[in-house]
Amino acid sequence: MKTAIRIVTLACVALISSSFLYAQKSGVFKTYADYKDGKMEYGINCATESHKIKLNDFWGNDYITVIHDGKPYNLKKAEIWGYQLCDEKVVRFQGKEDFSLADKGVLWIYSKQVTLPGYGRSSGKLVTTYSFSKGGDGEIRELTLVNLEVAFPDNHKLHDALNAQFKSDQSLSEFDEFHKQYKINHFLNIQGVE
């Protein structure tokens, strides 16, 4: 009896896992509307196909390279909204800069790994910087208290609440493990901000 239960359980887990895998897709979104609609250029079903999307950041290029069906395609970063990988990571562009989507709430929060210049014999320090936009098509700005006030210019009550709750720009990028979102998004939800 225990063996039969195990087999049924394993079969259910395999079925759920395979249906999740089949739902995963990767590709490029030309516009934010395409992202919302799930309309991908150079799109693939991750369970049955593969391709590569390269940022080309190392050389400071203003394009990405998509290798799709064995052929390379160069797409200008400034002319596309972003892309999604098979691991569901979403990268958005503003100009020729790329931003990895970390959280979607009142604010869309983006993270980016940057190397600070080193001093003396040091080769530099890798740090994570955070940015935000109001929605998926809003301007991406550095995540700071001042920029949040600029994003909500007429809400002075919110400005006061932000300054009381968050003591530094760094505190804005803290993740709330309990609510599974960045603390700033949870705070804005509590404040009734949309």
N, C-alpha and C. Protein backbone atom coordinates (compact mmCIF):
# COMPACT_ATOMS: atom_id res chain seq x y z
N MET A 1 0.83 -1.20 0.00
CA MET A 1 0.00 0.00 0.00
C MET A 1 0.87 1.26 0.00
N LYS A 2 1.93 1.28 0.86
CA LYS A 2 2.82 2.44 0.90
C LYS A 2 3.52 2.64 -0.43
N THR A 3 3.88 1.54 -1.07
CA THR A 3 4.55 1.62 -2.37
C THR A 3 3.61 2.24 -3.41
N ALA A 4 2.35 1.85 -3.40
CA ALA A 4 1.38 2.40 -4.34
C ALA A 4 1.18 3.89 -4.12
N ILE A 5 1.14 4.31 -2.86
CA ILE A 5 1.00 5.74 -2.55
C ILE A 5 2.22 6.51 -3.04
N ARG A 6 3.41 5.94 -2.84
CA ARG A 6 4.64 6.60 -3.32
C ARG A 6 4.63 6.75 -4.83
N ILE A 7 4.22 5.71 -5.53
CA ILE A 7 4.19 5.76 -6.99
C ILE A 7 3.21 6.81 -7.47
N VAL A 8 2.03 6.86 -6.88
CA VAL A 8 1.04 7.88 -7.25
C VAL A 8 1.58 9.28 -6.95
N THR A 9 2.20 9.45 -5.79
CA THR A 9 2.77 10.75 -5.42
C THR A 9 3.85 11.17 -6.40
N LEU A 10 4.76 10.25 -6.73
CA LEU A 10 5.83 10.57 -7.69
C LEU A 10 5.25 10.90 -9.06
N ALA A 11 4.23 10.17 -9.48
CA ALA A 11 3.60 10.45 -10.77
C ALA A 11 2.98 11.85 -10.79
N CYS A 12 2.32 12.24 -9.69
CA CYS A 12 1.72 13.58 -9.59
C CYS A 12 2.79 14.65 -9.62
N VAL A 13 3.88 14.45 -8.88
CA VAL A 13 4.98 15.42 -8.88
C VAL A 13 5.58 15.54 -10.27
N ALA A 14 5.78 14.43 -10.96
CA ALA A 14 6.33 14.45 -12.32
C ALA A 14 5.39 15.18 -13.27
N LEU A 15 4.09 14.95 -13.15
CA LEU A 15 3.11 15.61 -14.00
C LEU A 15 3.09 17.11 -13.76
N ILE A 16 3.09 17.51 -12.51
CA ILE A 16 3.11 18.94 -12.17
C ILE A 16 4.40 19.58 -12.65
N SER A 17 5.54 18.92 -12.43
CA SER A 17 6.83 19.45 -12.85
C SER A 17 6.89 19.61 -14.35
N SER A 18 6.42 18.61 -15.09
CA SER A 18 6.48 18.70 -16.55
C SER A 18 5.54 19.77 -17.07
N SER A 19 4.36 19.95 -16.46
CA SER A 19 3.46 21.00 -16.93
C SER A 19 4.03 22.37 -16.64
N PHE A 20 4.76 22.51 -15.52
CA PHE A 20 5.41 23.78 -15.21
C PHE A 20 6.51 24.06 -16.23
N LEU A 21 7.28 23.04 -16.56
CA LEU A 21 8.37 23.20 -17.50
C LEU A 21 7.83 23.58 -18.87
N TYR A 22 6.72 22.96 -19.28
CA TYR A 22 6.16 23.27 -20.59
C TYR A 22 5.62 24.69 -20.66
N ALA A 23 5.27 25.27 -19.52
CA ALA A 23 4.74 26.62 -19.51
C ALA A 23 5.84 27.66 -19.63
N GLN A 24 7.10 27.28 -19.41
CA GLN A 24 8.19 28.24 -19.44
C GLN A 24 8.56 28.60 -20.87
N LYS A 25 8.74 29.89 -21.08
CA LYS A 25 9.11 30.38 -22.39
C LYS A 25 10.23 31.39 -22.26
N SER A 26 10.95 31.60 -23.33
CA SER A 26 12.01 32.59 -23.37
C SER A 26 11.91 33.33 -24.70
N GLY A 27 12.24 34.62 -24.68
CA GLY A 27 12.21 35.40 -25.90
C GLY A 27 12.34 36.88 -25.62
N VAL A 28 12.20 37.67 -26.66
CA VAL A 28 12.39 39.12 -26.61
C VAL A 28 11.03 39.81 -26.72
N PHE A 29 10.87 40.87 -25.92
CA PHE A 29 9.66 41.69 -25.98
C PHE A 29 10.02 43.02 -26.63
N LYS A 30 9.39 43.33 -27.75
CA LYS A 30 9.67 44.60 -28.43
C LYS A 30 9.14 45.79 -27.63
N THR A 31 7.96 45.63 -27.01
CA THR A 31 7.33 46.72 -26.27
C THR A 31 6.81 46.21 -24.93
N TYR A 32 6.42 47.14 -24.06
CA TYR A 32 5.80 46.76 -22.80
C TYR A 32 4.45 46.07 -23.07
N ALA A 33 3.72 46.53 -24.07
CA ALA A 33 2.45 45.89 -24.42
C ALA A 33 2.68 44.44 -24.81
N ASP A 34 3.76 44.16 -25.53
CA ASP A 34 4.10 42.78 -25.88
C ASP A 34 4.37 41.97 -24.62
N TYR A 35 5.07 42.57 -23.65
CA TYR A 35 5.35 41.87 -22.39
C TYR A 35 4.04 41.51 -21.68
N LYS A 36 3.14 42.49 -21.58
CA LYS A 36 1.85 42.25 -20.92
C LYS A 36 1.05 41.16 -21.62
N ASP A 37 1.13 41.12 -22.95
CA ASP A 37 0.38 40.15 -23.73
C ASP A 37 1.10 38.81 -23.89
N GLY A 38 2.36 38.74 -23.43
CA GLY A 38 3.14 37.51 -23.58
C GLY A 38 3.58 37.26 -25.01
N LYS A 39 3.64 38.33 -25.82
CA LYS A 39 4.02 38.21 -27.23
C LYS A 39 5.53 38.36 -27.36
N MET A 40 6.19 37.27 -27.75
CA MET A 40 7.65 37.26 -27.83
C MET A 40 8.14 37.17 -29.27
N GLU A 41 9.21 37.89 -29.54
CA GLU A 41 9.97 37.72 -30.78
C GLU A 41 11.07 36.70 -30.45
N TYR A 42 11.43 35.88 -31.40
CA TYR A 42 12.47 34.85 -31.19
C TYR A 42 12.13 33.99 -29.97
N GLY A 43 10.85 33.74 -29.76
CA GLY A 43 10.39 32.99 -28.60
C GLY A 43 10.58 31.50 -28.77
N ILE A 44 10.79 30.84 -27.63
CA ILE A 44 10.93 29.38 -27.61
C ILE A 44 10.13 28.81 -26.45
N ASN A 45 9.80 27.53 -26.56
CA ASN A 45 9.27 26.74 -25.47
C ASN A 45 10.49 26.09 -24.83
N CYS A 46 10.77 26.43 -23.59
CA CYS A 46 12.00 25.99 -22.93
C CYS A 46 12.10 24.48 -22.75
N ALA A 47 10.96 23.79 -22.78
CA ALA A 47 10.97 22.33 -22.61
C ALA A 47 11.46 21.62 -23.85
N THR A 48 11.32 22.25 -25.01
CA THR A 48 11.64 21.55 -26.25
C THR A 48 12.68 22.26 -27.12
N GLU A 49 13.01 23.50 -26.81
CA GLU A 49 13.93 24.26 -27.65
C GLU A 49 14.96 24.97 -26.79
N SER A 50 15.99 25.49 -27.44
CA SER A 50 16.96 26.31 -26.72
C SER A 50 17.47 27.41 -27.65
N HIS A 51 17.90 28.47 -27.04
CA HIS A 51 18.56 29.56 -27.76
C HIS A 51 19.41 30.32 -26.74
N LYS A 52 20.13 31.32 -27.19
CA LYS A 52 20.96 32.12 -26.29
C LYS A 52 20.62 33.59 -26.48
N ILE A 53 20.63 34.31 -25.37
CA ILE A 53 20.47 35.76 -25.42
C ILE A 53 21.67 36.34 -24.69
N LYS A 54 22.49 37.12 -25.42
CA LYS A 54 23.71 37.70 -24.85
C LYS A 54 23.54 39.21 -24.72
N LEU A 55 23.90 39.74 -23.54
CA LEU A 55 23.78 41.18 -23.29
C LEU A 55 24.86 41.99 -24.01
N ASN A 56 26.02 41.43 -24.21
CA ASN A 56 27.15 42.12 -24.82
C ASN A 56 27.60 43.32 -23.98
N ASP A 57 27.42 43.26 -22.67
CA ASP A 57 27.80 44.36 -21.79
C ASP A 57 29.30 44.53 -21.64
N PHE A 58 30.02 43.43 -21.78
CA PHE A 58 31.47 43.49 -21.53
C PHE A 58 32.15 44.55 -22.38
N TRP A 59 31.72 44.71 -23.60
CA TRP A 59 32.32 45.68 -24.50
C TRP A 59 31.51 46.97 -24.58
N GLY A 60 30.46 47.10 -23.79
CA GLY A 60 29.65 48.31 -23.79
C GLY A 60 28.82 48.48 -25.04
N ASN A 61 28.49 47.39 -25.70
CA ASN A 61 27.71 47.46 -26.93
C ASN A 61 26.27 47.90 -26.64
N ASP A 62 25.65 48.50 -27.63
CA ASP A 62 24.29 48.99 -27.48
C ASP A 62 23.26 48.01 -28.05
N TYR A 63 23.65 46.75 -28.20
CA TYR A 63 22.75 45.74 -28.73
C TYR A 63 22.91 44.43 -27.98
N ILE A 64 21.88 43.60 -28.07
CA ILE A 64 21.98 42.23 -27.56
C ILE A 64 22.07 41.30 -28.77
N THR A 65 22.56 40.11 -28.54
CA THR A 65 22.59 39.11 -29.60
C THR A 65 21.71 37.94 -29.18
N VAL A 66 20.77 37.61 -30.04
CA VAL A 66 19.91 36.45 -29.84
C VAL A 66 20.35 35.40 -30.85
N ILE A 67 20.73 34.24 -30.36
CA ILE A 67 21.06 33.14 -31.26
C ILE A 67 19.84 32.23 -31.27
N HIS A 68 19.11 32.29 -32.37
CA HIS A 68 17.81 31.61 -32.50
C HIS A 68 17.85 30.74 -33.76
N ASP A 69 17.52 29.48 -33.63
CA ASP A 69 17.58 28.52 -34.74
C ASP A 69 18.97 28.53 -35.39
N GLY A 70 20.00 28.70 -34.56
CA GLY A 70 21.38 28.65 -35.04
C GLY A 70 21.88 29.91 -35.71
N LYS A 71 21.03 30.94 -35.80
CA LYS A 71 21.43 32.19 -36.47
C LYS A 71 21.50 33.32 -35.45
N PRO A 72 22.54 34.18 -35.53
CA PRO A 72 22.62 35.32 -34.61
C PRO A 72 21.82 36.52 -35.14
N TYR A 73 21.13 37.18 -34.21
CA TYR A 73 20.38 38.40 -34.54
C TYR A 73 20.80 39.47 -33.53
N ASN A 74 21.26 40.60 -34.02
CA ASN A 74 21.62 41.73 -33.16
C ASN A 74 20.46 42.69 -33.08
N LEU A 75 20.02 42.99 -31.85
CA LEU A 75 18.89 43.88 -31.63
C LEU A 75 19.33 45.04 -30.76
N LYS A 76 19.06 46.26 -31.19
CA LYS A 76 19.42 47.45 -30.41
C LYS A 76 18.63 47.48 -29.11
N LYS A 77 19.35 47.67 -28.01
CA LYS A 77 18.71 47.70 -26.69
C LYS A 77 17.68 48.82 -26.61
N ALA A 78 17.97 49.95 -27.22
CA ALA A 78 17.07 51.10 -27.15
C ALA A 78 15.78 50.87 -27.95
N GLU A 79 15.75 49.82 -28.78
CA GLU A 79 14.58 49.58 -29.62
C GLU A 79 13.72 48.40 -29.13
N ILE A 80 14.09 47.81 -27.99
CA ILE A 80 13.29 46.72 -27.44
C ILE A 80 13.02 47.01 -25.97
N TRP A 81 11.93 46.43 -25.46
CA TRP A 81 11.58 46.62 -24.04
C TRP A 81 12.44 45.75 -23.15
N GLY A 82 12.64 44.47 -23.54
CA GLY A 82 13.43 43.56 -22.73
C GLY A 82 13.30 42.13 -23.20
N TYR A 83 13.69 41.20 -22.32
CA TYR A 83 13.58 39.79 -22.66
C TYR A 83 13.36 38.96 -21.40
N GLN A 84 12.94 37.71 -21.63
CA GLN A 84 12.76 36.75 -20.55
C GLN A 84 13.55 35.50 -20.87
N LEU A 85 14.23 34.95 -19.86
CA LEU A 85 14.97 33.71 -20.01
C LEU A 85 14.15 32.52 -19.52
N CYS A 86 14.63 31.33 -19.77
CA CYS A 86 13.91 30.12 -19.35
C CYS A 86 13.74 30.02 -17.84
N ASP A 87 14.64 30.63 -17.07
CA ASP A 87 14.50 30.61 -15.61
C ASP A 87 13.52 31.68 -15.12
N GLU A 88 12.80 32.29 -16.07
CA GLU A 88 11.80 33.33 -15.84
C GLU A 88 12.40 34.68 -15.43
N LYS A 89 13.73 34.80 -15.47
CA LYS A 89 14.38 36.08 -15.22
C LYS A 89 13.99 37.04 -16.34
N VAL A 90 13.55 38.25 -15.95
CA VAL A 90 13.17 39.28 -16.92
C VAL A 90 14.19 40.41 -16.84
N VAL A 91 14.67 40.83 -17.99
CA VAL A 91 15.60 41.95 -18.09
C VAL A 91 14.94 43.02 -18.93
N ARG A 92 14.97 44.25 -18.43
CA ARG A 92 14.36 45.38 -19.13
C ARG A 92 15.44 46.36 -19.54
N PHE A 93 15.21 47.07 -20.63
CA PHE A 93 16.18 48.05 -21.12
C PHE A 93 15.63 49.46 -21.01
N GLN A 94 16.55 50.37 -20.78
CA GLN A 94 16.27 51.80 -20.88
C GLN A 94 17.51 52.38 -21.55
N GLY A 95 17.33 52.86 -22.77
CA GLY A 95 18.50 53.25 -23.55
C GLY A 95 19.32 52.00 -23.82
N LYS A 96 20.62 52.07 -23.54
CA LYS A 96 21.44 50.87 -23.72
C LYS A 96 21.77 50.17 -22.40
N GLU A 97 21.10 50.61 -21.33
CA GLU A 97 21.32 49.98 -20.02
C GLU A 97 20.30 48.86 -19.80
N ASP A 98 20.75 47.82 -19.09
CA ASP A 98 19.87 46.70 -18.76
C ASP A 98 19.62 46.65 -17.27
N PHE A 99 18.41 46.20 -16.90
CA PHE A 99 17.99 46.13 -15.50
C PHE A 99 17.24 44.82 -15.28
N SER A 100 17.68 44.02 -14.30
CA SER A 100 17.02 42.75 -13.99
C SER A 100 15.84 43.01 -13.05
N LEU A 101 14.68 42.54 -13.45
CA LEU A 101 13.47 42.73 -12.64
C LEU A 101 13.56 41.85 -11.39
N ALA A 102 13.43 42.49 -10.22
CA ALA A 102 13.52 41.77 -8.95
C ALA A 102 12.17 41.66 -8.24
N ASP A 103 11.26 42.60 -8.49
CA ASP A 103 9.97 42.62 -7.78
C ASP A 103 8.98 43.46 -8.57
N LYS A 104 7.73 42.98 -8.64
CA LYS A 104 6.66 43.75 -9.27
C LYS A 104 5.60 44.01 -8.22
N GLY A 105 5.37 45.26 -7.95
CA GLY A 105 4.34 45.67 -7.01
C GLY A 105 3.90 47.07 -7.40
N VAL A 106 3.66 47.91 -6.40
CA VAL A 106 3.39 49.33 -6.70
C VAL A 106 4.55 49.86 -7.54
N LEU A 107 5.76 49.50 -7.11
CA LEU A 107 6.96 49.82 -7.87
C LEU A 107 7.50 48.55 -8.50
N TRP A 108 8.07 48.68 -9.66
CA TRP A 108 8.84 47.60 -10.24
C TRP A 108 10.27 47.86 -9.80
N ILE A 109 10.87 46.90 -9.10
CA ILE A 109 12.21 47.07 -8.56
C ILE A 109 13.18 46.25 -9.40
N TYR A 110 14.29 46.87 -9.75
CA TYR A 110 15.30 46.24 -10.59
C TYR A 110 16.62 46.19 -9.82
N SER A 111 17.39 45.14 -10.06
CA SER A 111 18.72 45.05 -9.46
C SER A 111 19.75 44.95 -10.59
N LYS A 112 20.95 45.38 -10.26
CA LYS A 112 22.03 45.36 -11.27
C LYS A 112 23.36 45.20 -10.54
N GLN A 113 24.19 44.32 -11.05
CA GLN A 113 25.53 44.13 -10.50
C GLN A 113 26.47 45.10 -11.21
N VAL A 114 27.17 45.93 -10.44
CA VAL A 114 28.15 46.86 -11.00
C VAL A 114 29.46 46.72 -10.24
N THR A 115 30.53 47.01 -10.92
CA THR A 115 31.84 46.97 -10.28
C THR A 115 32.28 48.39 -10.00
N LEU A 116 32.53 48.67 -8.72
CA LEU A 116 33.06 49.97 -8.34
C LEU A 116 34.55 49.97 -8.63
N PRO A 117 35.09 51.10 -9.06
CA PRO A 117 36.52 51.13 -9.36
C PRO A 117 37.34 50.82 -8.12
N GLY A 118 38.43 50.08 -8.35
CA GLY A 118 39.33 49.74 -7.25
C GLY A 118 40.36 50.83 -7.02
N TYR A 119 41.01 50.75 -5.89
CA TYR A 119 42.05 51.71 -5.54
C TYR A 119 43.33 50.94 -5.27
N GLY A 120 44.44 51.49 -5.69
CA GLY A 120 45.72 50.83 -5.46
C GLY A 120 45.76 49.52 -6.23
N ARG A 121 46.00 48.43 -5.51
CA ARG A 121 46.10 47.11 -6.15
C ARG A 121 44.74 46.43 -6.28
N SER A 122 43.72 47.02 -5.74
CA SER A 122 42.39 46.42 -5.78
C SER A 122 41.81 46.53 -7.19
N SER A 123 41.14 45.48 -7.61
CA SER A 123 40.56 45.48 -8.96
C SER A 123 39.11 45.96 -8.98
N GLY A 124 38.60 46.37 -7.85
CA GLY A 124 37.22 46.85 -7.80
C GLY A 124 36.35 45.93 -6.99
N LYS A 125 35.22 46.46 -6.56
CA LYS A 125 34.30 45.72 -5.71
C LYS A 125 32.97 45.57 -6.43
N LEU A 126 32.43 44.35 -6.45
CA LEU A 126 31.14 44.08 -7.08
C LEU A 126 30.03 44.39 -6.07
N VAL A 127 29.11 45.27 -6.46
CA VAL A 127 27.99 45.63 -5.59
C VAL A 127 26.69 45.54 -6.39
N THR A 128 25.59 45.42 -5.66
CA THR A 128 24.27 45.41 -6.29
C THR A 128 23.64 46.78 -6.11
N THR A 129 23.19 47.35 -7.20
CA THR A 129 22.48 48.62 -7.14
C THR A 129 21.00 48.35 -7.45
N TYR A 130 20.14 49.24 -6.98
CA TYR A 130 18.70 49.06 -7.15
C TYR A 130 18.09 50.29 -7.81
N SER A 131 17.12 50.01 -8.67
CA SER A 131 16.38 51.06 -9.38
C SER A 131 14.90 50.70 -9.30
N PHE A 132 14.06 51.61 -9.77
CA PHE A 132 12.62 51.35 -9.77
C PHE A 132 11.95 52.09 -10.91
N SER A 133 10.75 51.64 -11.23
CA SER A 133 9.87 52.38 -12.14
C SER A 133 8.46 52.22 -11.61
N LYS A 134 7.62 53.16 -11.96
CA LYS A 134 6.18 53.05 -11.64
C LYS A 134 5.56 52.27 -12.79
N GLY A 135 5.36 50.99 -12.58
CA GLY A 135 4.84 50.13 -13.63
C GLY A 135 5.94 49.69 -14.58
N GLY A 136 5.56 48.84 -15.50
CA GLY A 136 6.52 48.26 -16.43
C GLY A 136 6.93 49.14 -17.58
N ASP A 137 6.23 50.26 -17.75
CA ASP A 137 6.60 51.16 -18.84
C ASP A 137 7.06 52.52 -18.34
N GLY A 138 7.19 52.66 -17.01
CA GLY A 138 7.65 53.93 -16.44
C GLY A 138 9.16 54.10 -16.55
N GLU A 139 9.60 55.33 -16.39
CA GLU A 139 11.03 55.63 -16.42
C GLU A 139 11.73 54.92 -15.26
N ILE A 140 12.89 54.34 -15.55
CA ILE A 140 13.68 53.66 -14.52
C ILE A 140 14.59 54.69 -13.88
N ARG A 141 14.51 54.75 -12.53
CA ARG A 141 15.33 55.70 -11.76
C ARG A 141 16.03 54.95 -10.63
N GLU A 142 17.10 55.52 -10.14
CA GLU A 142 17.79 54.95 -8.99
C GLU A 142 16.84 54.94 -7.80
N LEU A 143 16.86 53.86 -7.01
CA LEU A 143 15.97 53.72 -5.86
C LEU A 143 16.53 54.53 -4.70
N THR A 144 16.04 55.77 -4.58
CA THR A 144 16.44 56.67 -3.49
C THR A 144 15.19 57.33 -2.93
N LEU A 145 15.29 57.83 -1.73
CA LEU A 145 14.17 58.55 -1.11
C LEU A 145 13.77 59.77 -1.95
N VAL A 146 14.75 60.52 -2.42
CA VAL A 146 14.46 61.71 -3.23
C VAL A 146 13.72 61.32 -4.50
N ASN A 147 14.19 60.26 -5.18
CA ASN A 147 13.53 59.85 -6.42
C ASN A 147 12.12 59.32 -6.18
N LEU A 148 11.88 58.71 -5.02
CA LEU A 148 10.52 58.27 -4.69
C LEU A 148 9.61 59.47 -4.48
N GLU A 149 10.12 60.50 -3.84
CA GLU A 149 9.32 61.72 -3.66
C GLU A 149 9.01 62.36 -5.01
N VAL A 150 9.97 62.34 -5.92
CA VAL A 150 9.75 62.89 -7.26
C VAL A 150 8.70 62.06 -8.01
N ALA A 151 8.71 60.73 -7.78
CA ALA A 151 7.75 59.84 -8.46
C ALA A 151 6.31 60.07 -7.99
N PHE A 152 6.16 60.56 -6.75
CA PHE A 152 4.84 60.86 -6.19
C PHE A 152 4.84 62.32 -5.72
N PRO A 153 4.92 63.27 -6.67
CA PRO A 153 5.21 64.67 -6.33
C PRO A 153 4.17 65.37 -5.44
N ASP A 154 2.92 65.00 -5.55
CA ASP A 154 1.89 65.72 -4.82
C ASP A 154 1.44 65.04 -3.53
N ASN A 155 2.06 63.91 -3.20
CA ASN A 155 1.64 63.15 -2.03
C ASN A 155 2.59 63.44 -0.85
N HIS A 156 2.41 64.60 -0.23
CA HIS A 156 3.31 65.03 0.85
C HIS A 156 3.16 64.18 2.10
N LYS A 157 1.97 63.64 2.31
CA LYS A 157 1.77 62.72 3.43
C LYS A 157 2.64 61.47 3.24
N LEU A 158 2.71 60.98 2.01
CA LEU A 158 3.56 59.83 1.69
C LEU A 158 5.03 60.18 1.89
N HIS A 159 5.44 61.37 1.48
CA HIS A 159 6.83 61.80 1.66
C HIS A 159 7.22 61.73 3.14
N ASP A 160 6.36 62.25 4.00
CA ASP A 160 6.64 62.22 5.44
C ASP A 160 6.70 60.78 5.96
N ALA A 161 5.78 59.93 5.49
CA ALA A 161 5.77 58.53 5.93
C ALA A 161 7.01 57.79 5.45
N LEU A 162 7.45 58.06 4.21
CA LEU A 162 8.68 57.44 3.70
C LEU A 162 9.88 57.81 4.55
N ASN A 163 10.00 59.10 4.86
CA ASN A 163 11.14 59.57 5.65
C ASN A 163 11.11 59.04 7.08
N ALA A 164 9.92 58.79 7.60
CA ALA A 164 9.81 58.23 8.96
C ALA A 164 10.14 56.73 8.96
N GLN A 165 9.74 56.02 7.90
CA GLN A 165 9.92 54.56 7.84
C GLN A 165 11.32 54.15 7.39
N PHE A 166 11.87 54.85 6.40
CA PHE A 166 13.14 54.47 5.81
C PHE A 166 14.19 55.52 6.13
N LYS A 167 15.22 55.10 6.83
CA LYS A 167 16.23 56.05 7.33
C LYS A 167 17.35 56.32 6.34
N SER A 168 17.46 55.50 5.30
CA SER A 168 18.53 55.69 4.32
C SER A 168 18.07 55.13 2.97
N ASP A 169 18.77 55.50 1.92
CA ASP A 169 18.47 54.95 0.61
C ASP A 169 18.68 53.44 0.59
N GLN A 170 19.68 52.95 1.31
CA GLN A 170 19.97 51.52 1.35
C GLN A 170 18.81 50.73 1.96
N SER A 171 18.10 51.31 2.91
CA SER A 171 17.00 50.59 3.55
C SER A 171 15.83 50.35 2.59
N LEU A 172 15.77 51.09 1.50
CA LEU A 172 14.70 50.91 0.51
C LEU A 172 14.84 49.58 -0.24
N SER A 173 16.05 49.03 -0.29
CA SER A 173 16.28 47.80 -1.05
C SER A 173 16.24 46.55 -0.19
N GLU A 174 15.74 46.66 1.04
CA GLU A 174 15.65 45.49 1.91
C GLU A 174 14.45 44.64 1.49
N PHE A 175 14.66 43.32 1.54
CA PHE A 175 13.62 42.37 1.14
C PHE A 175 12.89 41.87 2.37
N ASP A 176 11.57 41.81 2.31
CA ASP A 176 10.73 41.32 3.40
C ASP A 176 10.46 39.84 3.17
N GLU A 177 11.16 38.98 3.90
CA GLU A 177 11.03 37.54 3.73
C GLU A 177 9.62 37.05 4.05
N PHE A 178 8.98 37.66 5.03
CA PHE A 178 7.64 37.23 5.42
C PHE A 178 6.63 37.49 4.31
N HIS A 179 6.66 38.69 3.75
CA HIS A 179 5.69 39.08 2.71
C HIS A 179 6.18 38.76 1.30
N LYS A 180 7.41 38.27 1.17
CA LYS A 180 7.99 37.86 -0.12
C LYS A 180 7.97 38.99 -1.15
N GLN A 181 8.34 40.19 -0.68
CA GLN A 181 8.47 41.32 -1.58
C GLN A 181 9.39 42.34 -0.91
N TYR A 182 9.84 43.31 -1.68
CA TYR A 182 10.69 44.35 -1.09
C TYR A 182 9.87 45.17 -0.11
N LYS A 183 10.52 45.60 0.96
CA LYS A 183 9.81 46.31 2.03
C LYS A 183 9.15 47.58 1.52
N ILE A 184 9.77 48.25 0.56
CA ILE A 184 9.18 49.48 0.04
C ILE A 184 7.83 49.19 -0.63
N ASN A 185 7.72 48.08 -1.36
CA ASN A 185 6.44 47.74 -1.99
C ASN A 185 5.39 47.38 -0.94
N HIS A 186 5.79 46.65 0.08
CA HIS A 186 4.84 46.32 1.15
C HIS A 186 4.38 47.61 1.85
N PHE A 187 5.31 48.49 2.12
CA PHE A 187 4.99 49.77 2.76
C PHE A 187 4.01 50.58 1.90
N LEU A 188 4.28 50.66 0.59
CA LEU A 188 3.39 51.43 -0.29
C LEU A 188 2.00 50.81 -0.36
N ASN A 189 1.92 49.47 -0.32
CA ASN A 189 0.61 48.81 -0.27
C ASN A 189 -0.15 49.21 0.98
N ILE A 190 0.51 49.21 2.12
CA ILE A 190 -0.12 49.58 3.40
C ILE A 190 -0.60 51.04 3.34
N GLN A 191 0.15 51.89 2.67
CA GLN A 191 -0.20 53.30 2.56
C GLN A 191 -1.34 53.54 1.56
N GLY A 192 -1.72 52.50 0.82
CA GLY A 192 -2.81 52.63 -0.15
C GLY A 192 -2.37 53.26 -1.46
N VAL A 193 -1.08 53.26 -1.74
CA VAL A 193 -0.56 53.87 -2.96
C VAL A 193 -0.75 52.89 -4.12
N GLU A 194 -1.19 53.40 -5.24
CA GLU A 194 -1.38 52.57 -6.43
C GLU A 194 -0.48 53.03 -7.53
